[in-house]
Structure formats: structure tokens, C-alpha cells
N, C-alpha and C. Protein backbone atom coordinates (compact mmCIF):
# COMPACT_ATOMS: atom_id res chain seq x y z
N MET A 1 32.25 11.79 33.01
CA MET A 1 33.43 12.05 32.22
C MET A 1 32.89 13.49 31.85
N THR A 2 33.80 14.30 31.16
CA THR A 2 33.36 15.26 30.79
C THR A 2 33.58 15.54 29.82
N GLU A 3 32.60 15.94 28.53
CA GLU A 3 32.22 15.70 27.28
C GLU A 3 32.76 17.62 26.16
N PHE A 4 33.96 17.04 25.82
CA PHE A 4 34.58 18.38 24.96
C PHE A 4 33.92 18.17 23.50
N ARG A 5 33.37 17.13 22.73
CA ARG A 5 33.02 17.84 21.80
C ARG A 5 32.24 19.37 21.68
N PRO A 6 32.12 19.73 20.88
CA PRO A 6 30.98 20.73 20.58
C PRO A 6 29.79 20.06 19.76
N TYR A 7 28.79 21.19 20.04
CA TYR A 7 27.66 21.23 19.46
C TYR A 7 27.53 21.10 17.78
N ARG A 8 26.60 21.34 17.05
CA ARG A 8 26.46 21.16 15.72
C ARG A 8 25.67 22.60 15.71
N PRO A 9 26.40 23.02 14.88
CA PRO A 9 25.28 24.77 14.99
C PRO A 9 23.69 23.78 13.95
N CYS A 10 22.52 24.25 13.85
CA CYS A 10 21.72 23.62 13.84
C CYS A 10 20.06 24.62 13.51
N VAL A 11 19.52 24.56 12.74
CA VAL A 11 18.29 25.76 12.97
C VAL A 11 17.14 24.33 12.67
N GLY A 12 15.66 25.06 13.80
CA GLY A 12 14.75 23.57 13.51
C GLY A 12 12.96 24.38 12.88
N VAL A 13 12.53 24.04 12.07
CA VAL A 13 11.49 24.62 12.44
C VAL A 13 9.92 24.41 12.22
N MET A 14 9.14 25.25 12.90
CA MET A 14 7.73 25.01 13.41
C MET A 14 6.76 25.07 11.98
N LEU A 15 6.85 24.95 11.37
CA LEU A 15 6.09 24.86 10.39
C LEU A 15 4.59 24.57 10.84
N LEU A 16 3.76 25.88 10.32
CA LEU A 16 1.65 26.20 10.82
C LEU A 16 1.40 26.36 9.67
N ASN A 17 -0.17 25.19 9.91
CA ASN A 17 -0.80 25.74 8.77
C ASN A 17 -1.90 26.50 9.07
N GLN A 18 -2.44 26.98 8.27
CA GLN A 18 -3.72 27.38 8.53
C GLN A 18 -4.63 27.64 10.10
N GLU A 19 -5.00 25.90 10.19
CA GLU A 19 -5.56 25.73 11.07
C GLU A 19 -4.57 25.81 12.76
N GLY A 20 -3.50 26.04 12.63
CA GLY A 20 -2.42 25.79 13.60
C GLY A 20 -2.13 24.65 13.83
N LEU A 21 -1.65 23.86 12.62
CA LEU A 21 -1.55 22.06 12.89
C LEU A 21 0.58 22.66 12.53
N VAL A 22 1.16 21.72 12.81
CA VAL A 22 2.61 22.11 12.51
C VAL A 22 2.58 20.59 11.62
N PHE A 23 3.59 20.69 10.57
CA PHE A 23 4.64 19.96 9.78
C PHE A 23 5.38 19.27 10.67
N VAL A 24 5.21 17.63 10.35
CA VAL A 24 6.05 16.98 10.76
C VAL A 24 6.30 15.63 9.72
N GLY A 25 7.40 15.07 9.26
CA GLY A 25 7.37 14.19 9.11
C GLY A 25 8.34 12.99 9.15
N ASN A 26 7.85 11.49 8.73
CA ASN A 26 8.38 10.46 9.33
C ASN A 26 9.85 10.20 9.18
N ARG A 27 10.68 10.45 9.41
CA ARG A 27 12.26 10.01 9.16
C ARG A 27 12.66 8.69 8.69
N ILE A 28 13.40 8.66 7.41
CA ILE A 28 13.61 7.33 7.22
C ILE A 28 14.03 6.87 7.65
N ASP A 29 15.50 7.29 8.17
CA ASP A 29 17.21 6.66 8.98
C ASP A 29 16.79 6.28 10.11
N THR A 30 15.05 6.05 10.44
CA THR A 30 14.85 6.49 12.06
C THR A 30 13.57 5.28 11.92
N PRO A 31 13.76 3.88 11.98
CA PRO A 31 12.85 2.82 12.56
C PRO A 31 11.92 3.23 13.05
N GLY A 32 10.33 3.05 12.91
CA GLY A 32 9.29 2.96 12.97
C GLY A 32 8.29 4.05 13.16
N ASP A 33 7.65 4.50 14.19
CA ASP A 33 6.66 6.17 13.80
C ASP A 33 7.58 6.92 15.02
N HIS A 34 8.58 7.43 14.22
CA HIS A 34 8.73 8.61 14.64
C HIS A 34 9.17 9.57 13.76
N TRP A 35 8.24 10.93 14.36
CA TRP A 35 7.98 12.10 13.26
C TRP A 35 8.75 13.16 14.20
N GLN A 36 9.20 14.17 13.22
CA GLN A 36 10.02 15.37 13.81
C GLN A 36 9.69 16.64 12.56
N MET A 37 9.69 17.58 13.09
CA MET A 37 10.15 19.00 12.31
C MET A 37 11.12 19.23 11.62
N PRO A 38 10.64 19.97 10.69
CA PRO A 38 12.00 20.18 9.63
C PRO A 38 13.58 20.77 10.62
N GLN A 39 14.25 20.11 10.03
CA GLN A 39 15.57 20.71 11.27
C GLN A 39 17.46 20.25 10.27
N GLY A 40 18.14 20.89 10.70
CA GLY A 40 19.43 20.80 9.85
C GLY A 40 20.69 21.67 9.63
N GLY A 41 21.50 21.33 9.89
CA GLY A 41 22.52 22.38 9.71
C GLY A 41 22.71 23.89 8.96
N ILE A 42 23.71 24.00 10.31
CA ILE A 42 23.74 25.46 9.31
C ILE A 42 25.14 25.70 9.23
N ASP A 43 25.34 26.42 7.49
CA ASP A 43 26.95 25.97 6.78
C ASP A 43 27.70 27.03 7.32
N PRO A 44 28.82 26.71 7.39
CA PRO A 44 29.78 27.93 7.52
C PRO A 44 29.42 29.16 7.23
N GLY A 45 29.34 30.46 8.07
CA GLY A 45 29.11 31.46 7.61
C GLY A 45 27.91 31.77 6.57
N GLU A 46 27.13 30.94 7.01
CA GLU A 46 25.70 30.95 6.56
C GLU A 46 24.82 31.49 7.90
N ASP A 47 23.51 32.70 7.80
CA ASP A 47 22.67 33.18 8.23
C ASP A 47 21.46 31.59 9.10
N PRO A 48 20.74 32.02 10.22
CA PRO A 48 20.31 31.27 11.13
C PRO A 48 18.78 31.24 9.80
N ARG A 49 18.83 32.39 9.89
CA ARG A 49 17.60 32.36 9.16
C ARG A 49 17.10 32.16 7.63
N ALA A 50 18.69 32.33 7.17
CA ALA A 50 18.59 31.66 5.60
C ALA A 50 18.49 30.05 5.53
N ALA A 51 19.35 29.54 7.00
CA ALA A 51 19.36 27.77 6.85
C ALA A 51 18.26 27.42 7.68
N ALA A 52 17.51 28.50 8.01
CA ALA A 52 15.49 28.02 8.11
C ALA A 52 15.22 27.66 6.98
N PHE A 53 15.20 28.71 6.11
CA PHE A 53 14.56 28.50 4.54
C PHE A 53 15.02 27.49 3.76
N ARG A 54 16.61 27.40 4.08
CA ARG A 54 17.16 26.23 3.11
C ARG A 54 16.88 24.78 3.37
N GLU A 55 16.40 24.72 4.48
CA GLU A 55 16.49 23.39 5.63
C GLU A 55 14.72 23.04 5.06
N LEU A 56 14.00 24.32 4.99
CA LEU A 56 12.69 23.88 5.10
C LEU A 56 12.31 23.54 3.67
N TYR A 57 12.94 24.03 2.47
CA TYR A 57 12.82 23.49 0.99
C TYR A 57 13.01 22.75 0.93
N GLU A 58 14.20 22.27 1.75
CA GLU A 58 15.37 20.74 1.09
C GLU A 58 14.15 19.72 1.54
N GLU A 59 13.81 19.86 3.11
CA GLU A 59 12.89 18.76 3.16
C GLU A 59 11.93 18.49 3.04
N THR A 60 11.01 19.87 2.69
CA THR A 60 9.80 20.00 1.63
C THR A 60 9.26 20.36 1.36
N GLY A 61 10.34 20.79 0.03
CA GLY A 61 9.86 21.40 -0.89
C GLY A 61 9.02 22.79 -0.61
N VAL A 62 8.41 23.37 0.67
CA VAL A 62 8.29 24.26 0.76
C VAL A 62 9.42 25.97 0.35
N ASP A 63 8.51 26.86 -0.22
CA ASP A 63 9.58 27.69 -0.21
C ASP A 63 8.28 28.97 -0.18
N ASN A 64 7.01 28.59 0.56
CA ASN A 64 6.31 29.86 0.53
C ASN A 64 6.06 30.22 2.35
N ALA A 65 6.73 30.36 2.47
CA ALA A 65 6.66 30.63 4.55
C ALA A 65 7.03 32.18 4.87
N ILE A 66 6.56 32.73 5.88
CA ILE A 66 7.32 33.18 6.61
C ILE A 66 7.82 33.02 7.64
N ILE A 67 8.53 34.09 8.58
CA ILE A 67 8.98 33.74 9.44
C ILE A 67 7.86 34.66 10.35
N ILE A 68 7.65 34.10 11.92
CA ILE A 68 6.68 34.40 12.43
C ILE A 68 7.04 34.50 13.86
N ARG A 69 8.15 33.49 14.36
CA ARG A 69 8.56 34.01 15.55
C ARG A 69 9.96 33.25 15.95
N GLU A 70 11.07 33.64 16.41
CA GLU A 70 11.74 33.24 16.82
C GLU A 70 13.10 32.77 18.01
N ALA A 71 12.65 31.23 17.91
CA ALA A 71 13.27 30.91 19.84
C ALA A 71 14.15 32.58 20.38
N SER A 72 13.74 32.51 21.60
CA SER A 72 14.83 33.79 22.46
C SER A 72 16.22 33.20 22.77
N ARG A 73 16.19 31.49 22.56
CA ARG A 73 17.57 31.41 22.90
C ARG A 73 17.76 30.21 21.69
N PRO A 74 18.77 29.59 21.73
CA PRO A 74 19.21 28.04 20.77
C PRO A 74 18.97 27.09 22.13
N ILE A 75 18.50 26.08 21.66
CA ILE A 75 18.27 24.81 22.50
C ILE A 75 19.34 23.62 22.26
N CYS A 76 19.41 23.27 23.03
CA CYS A 76 20.68 21.93 22.51
C CYS A 76 20.24 20.57 23.29
N TYR A 77 20.71 19.87 22.67
CA TYR A 77 20.25 18.30 23.36
C TYR A 77 21.59 17.37 22.79
N ASP A 78 21.81 16.28 23.78
CA ASP A 78 22.74 15.38 23.70
C ASP A 78 22.31 14.12 22.78
N LEU A 79 22.89 13.63 21.68
CA LEU A 79 22.62 11.92 21.18
C LEU A 79 23.02 11.27 22.37
N PRO A 80 22.10 10.25 21.85
CA PRO A 80 22.15 9.27 22.72
C PRO A 80 23.61 8.53 22.89
N PRO A 81 24.28 7.73 23.66
CA PRO A 81 25.93 7.35 23.39
C PRO A 81 25.89 6.63 21.84
N GLU A 82 24.97 5.81 21.96
CA GLU A 82 24.93 4.57 21.00
C GLU A 82 25.19 5.29 19.52
N LEU A 83 24.48 6.38 19.31
CA LEU A 83 24.57 6.96 18.20
C LEU A 83 25.90 8.67 17.93
N SER A 84 25.69 9.02 19.35
CA SER A 84 26.47 10.11 19.56
C SER A 84 29.11 9.41 18.41
N THR A 85 28.80 8.33 18.65
CA THR A 85 30.07 8.56 17.85
C THR A 85 30.29 7.82 16.19
N THR A 86 28.92 7.88 16.06
CA THR A 86 28.15 7.53 14.44
C THR A 86 27.90 9.01 13.74
N VAL A 87 26.83 9.30 14.30
CA VAL A 87 26.37 10.40 14.14
C VAL A 87 27.34 11.60 13.44
N TRP A 88 27.37 12.38 12.22
CA TRP A 88 28.19 13.16 12.08
C TRP A 88 29.67 12.95 12.10
N GLY A 89 29.89 11.74 12.16
CA GLY A 89 31.74 11.13 12.39
C GLY A 89 32.36 10.83 13.40
N GLY A 90 31.01 11.45 14.59
CA GLY A 90 31.88 11.30 16.23
C GLY A 90 32.25 12.41 16.32
N GLN A 91 32.18 13.69 15.42
CA GLN A 91 32.23 15.18 15.81
C GLN A 91 31.84 15.89 16.40
N TYR A 92 30.68 15.82 17.18
CA TYR A 92 29.51 16.60 17.32
C TYR A 92 28.99 15.57 18.67
N ARG A 93 28.85 16.32 19.87
CA ARG A 93 28.22 15.36 20.79
C ARG A 93 26.48 15.60 20.66
N GLY A 94 25.77 16.73 20.28
CA GLY A 94 24.45 16.70 19.93
C GLY A 94 24.68 17.72 18.90
N GLN A 95 23.33 18.71 19.20
CA GLN A 95 22.93 19.86 18.34
C GLN A 95 22.71 20.99 19.17
N GLU A 96 22.83 22.24 18.72
CA GLU A 96 22.65 23.22 19.12
C GLU A 96 21.89 24.12 18.06
N GLN A 97 20.27 24.16 18.92
CA GLN A 97 19.46 24.44 17.81
C GLN A 97 18.82 25.98 17.85
N ARG A 98 18.59 26.48 16.57
CA ARG A 98 18.43 27.72 16.66
C ARG A 98 16.80 27.32 16.01
N TRP A 99 16.23 27.97 16.77
CA TRP A 99 14.31 27.56 16.28
C TRP A 99 13.86 28.52 15.51
N PHE A 100 12.82 28.72 14.94
CA PHE A 100 11.93 29.49 13.96
C PHE A 100 10.54 28.59 14.02
N ALA A 101 9.21 29.44 14.05
CA ALA A 101 8.45 29.43 13.97
C ALA A 101 7.63 29.90 12.33
N MET A 102 7.32 29.40 11.62
CA MET A 102 7.23 29.80 10.47
C MET A 102 4.98 29.46 10.09
N GLN A 103 4.94 29.98 9.46
CA GLN A 103 3.73 30.18 8.88
C GLN A 103 3.86 29.95 7.44
N PHE A 104 2.73 29.09 7.35
CA PHE A 104 3.10 28.26 5.55
C PHE A 104 1.69 29.25 5.05
N LEU A 105 2.04 29.39 3.88
CA LEU A 105 1.23 30.72 3.06
C LEU A 105 0.69 29.67 1.92
N GLY A 106 1.38 28.43 1.80
CA GLY A 106 0.42 27.33 0.65
C GLY A 106 -0.44 26.55 1.01
N ASP A 107 -0.66 25.19 0.15
CA ASP A 107 -0.79 24.06 -0.52
C ASP A 107 -0.38 23.05 0.11
N ASP A 108 -1.20 21.78 0.66
CA ASP A 108 -0.50 20.87 0.32
C ASP A 108 -0.11 20.41 -0.33
N SER A 109 -0.63 21.00 -1.89
CA SER A 109 0.00 20.02 -2.81
C SER A 109 1.63 20.53 -3.30
N ASP A 110 1.48 21.42 -2.60
CA ASP A 110 3.03 22.76 -2.86
C ASP A 110 4.24 21.69 -1.67
N ILE A 111 3.90 20.74 -0.95
CA ILE A 111 5.13 19.81 -0.04
C ILE A 111 5.26 18.80 -0.77
N LYS A 112 6.42 18.81 -1.07
CA LYS A 112 7.43 17.63 -1.60
C LYS A 112 8.22 17.15 -0.92
N LEU A 113 8.72 15.52 -0.69
CA LEU A 113 9.06 15.74 0.21
C LEU A 113 10.45 14.87 -0.77
N ASP A 114 10.21 15.07 -2.04
CA ASP A 114 11.25 13.97 -2.87
C ASP A 114 12.73 15.62 -3.61
N LEU A 115 12.38 16.33 -3.79
CA LEU A 115 13.02 17.84 -4.42
C LEU A 115 14.46 17.24 -4.27
N HIS A 116 15.28 16.61 -3.01
CA HIS A 116 16.09 16.55 -2.77
C HIS A 116 16.40 15.23 -2.15
N GLU A 117 17.84 14.95 -1.15
CA GLU A 117 18.15 13.42 -1.15
C GLU A 117 16.39 13.76 0.12
N ARG A 118 15.89 12.75 0.06
CA ARG A 118 14.81 12.21 0.96
C ARG A 118 15.06 11.88 2.07
N GLU A 119 14.81 12.95 3.06
CA GLU A 119 14.75 12.61 4.87
C GLU A 119 12.95 11.88 5.24
N PHE A 120 11.98 12.34 4.86
CA PHE A 120 10.91 11.47 5.22
C PHE A 120 10.41 11.03 4.70
N SER A 121 9.87 9.74 5.10
CA SER A 121 9.04 8.27 4.05
C SER A 121 7.27 8.85 4.14
N ALA A 122 7.08 9.94 5.04
CA ALA A 122 5.84 10.22 4.56
C ALA A 122 5.64 12.00 5.90
N TRP A 123 4.83 12.60 5.43
CA TRP A 123 4.69 14.01 6.31
C TRP A 123 3.00 13.84 6.82
N ARG A 124 2.61 14.49 7.51
CA ARG A 124 0.88 14.88 7.89
C ARG A 124 0.89 16.25 8.95
N TRP A 125 -0.06 16.60 9.67
CA TRP A 125 -0.18 17.52 10.14
C TRP A 125 -0.16 17.32 11.41
N MET A 126 0.43 18.19 12.83
CA MET A 126 -0.23 17.39 13.79
C MET A 126 -0.35 18.50 14.74
N ALA A 127 -1.22 17.77 15.92
CA ALA A 127 -1.40 19.30 17.03
C ALA A 127 -0.22 19.35 17.85
N MET A 128 -0.32 20.70 18.07
CA MET A 128 1.20 21.01 19.02
C MET A 128 1.10 19.94 20.16
N ASN A 129 -0.13 19.70 21.05
CA ASN A 129 -0.16 18.83 22.19
C ASN A 129 0.19 17.29 21.78
N GLU A 130 0.50 17.25 20.05
CA GLU A 130 1.03 15.85 20.07
C GLU A 130 2.17 15.57 19.85
N LEU A 131 3.12 16.68 19.66
CA LEU A 131 4.57 16.51 19.19
C LEU A 131 4.96 15.49 20.32
N VAL A 132 5.53 15.81 21.64
CA VAL A 132 6.13 15.53 22.29
C VAL A 132 5.78 13.98 22.36
N ASP A 133 4.73 13.46 22.59
CA ASP A 133 4.87 11.97 22.25
C ASP A 133 5.02 10.83 21.01
N ASN A 134 5.05 11.75 20.22
CA ASN A 134 5.13 10.85 18.43
C ASN A 134 7.02 11.81 18.37
N ILE A 135 7.61 12.04 18.95
CA ILE A 135 8.86 12.39 18.69
C ILE A 135 9.99 11.41 19.34
N VAL A 136 11.02 11.07 18.65
CA VAL A 136 12.14 10.16 18.90
C VAL A 136 12.36 10.52 20.55
N PRO A 137 12.28 9.61 20.94
CA PRO A 137 12.57 9.69 22.24
C PRO A 137 13.42 10.83 22.69
N PHE A 138 14.82 10.42 22.44
CA PHE A 138 15.94 11.31 22.93
C PHE A 138 16.15 13.24 22.22
N LYS A 139 14.80 13.33 21.82
CA LYS A 139 14.23 14.51 21.86
C LYS A 139 13.31 15.31 22.52
N ARG A 140 12.85 14.22 23.25
CA ARG A 140 11.59 14.90 23.47
C ARG A 140 11.95 15.87 24.74
N ALA A 141 12.59 16.75 25.29
CA ALA A 141 12.80 17.28 25.85
C ALA A 141 13.11 18.67 25.76
N THR A 142 13.55 18.67 24.16
CA THR A 142 14.03 19.44 23.28
C THR A 142 12.54 19.92 22.70
N TYR A 143 11.72 19.29 22.07
CA TYR A 143 10.30 19.55 21.67
C TYR A 143 9.54 20.07 23.13
N GLU A 144 9.35 19.82 24.45
CA GLU A 144 9.13 20.51 25.40
C GLU A 144 9.40 21.70 25.56
N GLU A 145 10.79 22.48 25.14
CA GLU A 145 11.27 23.50 25.06
C GLU A 145 11.07 24.26 24.13
N VAL A 146 11.19 23.96 22.48
CA VAL A 146 9.87 24.33 21.48
C VAL A 146 8.46 24.50 21.82
N LEU A 147 8.33 23.77 22.11
CA LEU A 147 6.57 23.98 22.81
C LEU A 147 6.85 25.43 23.61
N ALA A 148 7.41 25.15 24.58
CA ALA A 148 7.76 26.42 25.83
C ALA A 148 7.59 27.99 24.60
N GLU A 149 8.49 28.05 23.88
CA GLU A 149 8.76 28.94 23.11
C GLU A 149 7.96 29.37 22.44
N PHE A 150 7.03 28.94 22.17
CA PHE A 150 5.86 28.78 20.46
C PHE A 150 4.76 29.03 21.42
N SER A 151 4.23 28.45 23.01
CA SER A 151 3.08 29.01 23.40
C SER A 151 2.68 29.23 23.05
N ALA A 152 2.61 30.90 22.39
CA ALA A 152 1.61 32.00 22.62
C ALA A 152 1.23 31.90 21.01
N LEU A 153 1.49 30.88 20.35
CA LEU A 153 1.14 30.69 19.04
C LEU A 153 0.28 29.46 18.95
N MET A 154 0.28 28.73 19.79
CA MET A 154 -1.26 27.71 20.05
C MET A 154 -2.76 28.98 19.45
N GLY A 155 -3.19 28.70 19.10
CA GLY A 155 -4.70 29.27 18.25
C GLY A 155 -4.54 30.79 18.15
N GLU A 156 -2.98 30.97 17.61
CA GLU A 156 -2.83 32.46 16.71
C GLU A 156 -3.06 32.08 14.93
N SER A 157 -2.65 31.04 14.77
CA SER A 157 -2.97 30.77 13.18
C SER A 157 -4.39 30.35 12.81
């Protein structure tokens, strides 16, 4: 069957600390131990870079980071069928994400998960090579692509 629903325009942020570790949060709405990097929708008319900073702030409280790399192309993923009809009112088949690598310029004390509607129950710094194994399964291929896009950053931070 051909899928006609569009992808939701979205951004994702790979936030790196000074040791080159990646910020991940454990989603409140996903049972179990599933971590992800900050991400969220692009508002109509919003610049993707502005959306990346907004989403980062809303989900983590971080407002002291700089963009160090942007992925060369959007990365898409489809939601599993059981989620596809309920998430975002069934309007989208999945997400088309614009990914940004950012350098965190602050301290761990700057991270505040409860400044807005809380999305993460916990957070931690994770090595890049651990990301794929710790993400919700339907996003693993996406994370492999993100890591390929930003592989040059391994060891740079």
C-alpha cells in the first residue's frame, strides 16, 4: 500500500559536552529504558536552526550551546503502524528531521528538564557508540544515519 501522509518537519540536536559525550533523555511517554537526543517539530515559518535552539531549550533548559555542524540532508523515519495512527493525530507517517550537532558551553547544573512540559524522566551523557543500542528500536536506523553524518566529530570535542 502506498503511503500518502507527509512527514512531520522536525529538528534533532546532538548536544556534545566537553568530553565528547552526547546528551540523551529517557522519554516519559515511552515505557522502559529508551533514550533519545532532543528533537521536536518545526513551527510553520520557523527557521530550522531557530527550531533546534528552541527545542533544545524547551526539553533541556540549555541556552548556552553553539551549532558546530549541520547534517548534509534531512533524515526521515516512519513510525511503527501501531503509533502511526495515533501520534500527532495520525496526520503524519513519521518525521523528516534536520539534525544539528551543538557544543554545550555550560555546566551540568544548567540542565533543567522541567522548565516546560517535561518530556524526559532522566538524562545522562552517553558515548556516541552507545546511542544506537539505547534508542527506541524504530529510531535506530535514524541514529545510525545521524552518527554517520557527525562521525567526524568523534574525538573532536
